[in-house]
């Protein structure tokens, strides 16, 4: 297992490359939290423990790269919706 963390605007991104069950490879996972949460709201904005329907990446680097790109895409799409 490998994990990385990053900040993107008002969000904190946690991504992971987890050992794939029943086989070789790694699955990608992500959690996106709001840094400045609204009182009474849970800071977690997104969570997916098995990105790409559990696709098995050959290396942890590939899984982490995919998860980070997906997290940033989710944040951009959410930010665009809130700007309207």
Protein backbone atom coordinates (compact mmCIF):
# COMPACT_ATOMS: atom_id res chain seq x y z
CA UNK A 1 0.00 0.00 0.00
CA UNK A 2 1.10 3.52 -0.76
CA UNK A 3 -0.55 6.83 0.03
CA UNK A 4 -0.13 10.46 -1.01
CA UNK A 5 -1.69 13.72 0.11
CA UNK A 6 -2.13 17.04 -1.69
CA UNK A 7 -4.04 20.32 -1.40
CA UNK A 8 -6.14 21.73 -4.22
CA UNK A 9 -7.86 25.03 -3.45
CA UNK A 10 -10.18 24.52 -0.47
CA UNK A 11 -9.77 20.74 -0.55
CA UNK A 12 -7.33 18.20 0.87
CA UNK A 13 -6.83 15.11 -1.27
CA UNK A 14 -5.81 11.70 0.05
CA UNK A 15 -5.11 9.00 -2.53
CA UNK A 16 -4.03 5.43 -2.11
CA UNK A 17 -2.74 2.48 -4.08
CA UNK A 18 -4.08 -0.59 -2.30
CA UNK A 19 -3.07 -4.18 -2.89
CA UNK A 20 -5.73 -5.65 -5.18
CA UNK A 21 -7.78 -8.44 -3.66
CA UNK A 22 -7.57 -11.84 -5.35
CA UNK A 23 -4.71 -11.02 -7.65
CA UNK A 24 -1.72 -8.97 -8.52
CA UNK A 25 -1.75 -5.24 -8.94
CA UNK A 26 -3.13 -2.23 -7.13
CA UNK A 27 -6.51 -0.55 -6.94
CA UNK A 28 -6.85 3.21 -6.65
CA UNK A 29 -8.76 4.94 -3.86
CA UNK A 30 -9.42 8.57 -2.93
CA UNK A 31 -10.86 10.76 -0.23
CA UNK A 32 -11.40 14.50 -0.73
CA UNK A 33 -12.07 16.64 2.34
CA UNK A 34 -13.08 20.27 2.58
CA UNK A 35 -10.39 22.24 4.38
CA UNK A 36 -12.83 24.88 5.61
CA UNK A 37 -16.00 22.96 6.29
CA UNK A 38 -19.39 24.46 6.96
CA UNK A 39 -20.41 24.06 10.62
CA UNK A 40 -22.64 21.04 11.00
CA UNK A 41 -21.47 19.46 7.72
CA UNK A 42 -19.10 16.55 7.39
CA UNK A 43 -15.78 17.67 5.87
CA UNK A 44 -15.69 14.70 3.49
CA UNK A 45 -16.71 15.79 0.00
CA UNK A 46 -15.92 12.62 -1.97
CA UNK A 47 -14.82 9.06 -1.28
CA UNK A 48 -14.25 6.12 -3.59
CA UNK A 49 -12.45 3.03 -2.31
CA UNK A 50 -12.37 1.28 -5.68
CA UNK A 51 -11.91 3.75 -8.53
CA UNK A 52 -12.47 2.62 -12.12
CA UNK A 53 -14.64 -0.26 -10.85
CA UNK A 54 -11.66 -1.86 -9.13
CA UNK A 55 -9.37 -1.85 -12.17
CA UNK A 56 -6.01 -3.39 -11.28
CA UNK A 57 -3.09 -1.08 -12.03
CA UNK A 58 0.31 -2.70 -12.59
CA UNK A 59 2.19 -0.35 -10.28
CA UNK A 60 1.31 1.76 -7.26
CA UNK A 61 2.52 4.83 -9.14
CA UNK A 62 -0.07 4.28 -11.89
CA UNK A 63 -2.86 3.83 -9.33
CA UNK A 64 -1.81 6.96 -7.40
CA UNK A 65 -1.54 9.01 -10.58
CA UNK A 66 -5.03 7.95 -11.71
CA UNK A 67 -6.55 8.64 -8.27
CA UNK A 68 -4.97 12.11 -8.02
CA UNK A 69 -6.15 13.07 -11.51
CA UNK A 70 -9.67 11.82 -10.72
CA UNK A 71 -9.76 13.79 -7.45
CA UNK A 72 -8.71 16.99 -9.19
CA UNK A 73 -11.31 16.40 -11.90
CA UNK A 74 -14.03 16.00 -9.25
CA UNK A 75 -12.95 19.21 -7.51
CA UNK A 76 -12.93 21.17 -10.79
CA UNK A 77 -16.38 19.92 -11.77
CA UNK A 78 -17.77 20.71 -8.31
CA UNK A 79 -16.19 24.20 -8.37
CA UNK A 80 -17.68 24.86 -11.81
CA UNK A 81 -21.14 23.85 -10.55
CA UNK A 82 -20.87 26.16 -7.54
CA UNK A 83 -19.77 29.10 -9.73
CA UNK A 84 -22.99 29.02 -11.77
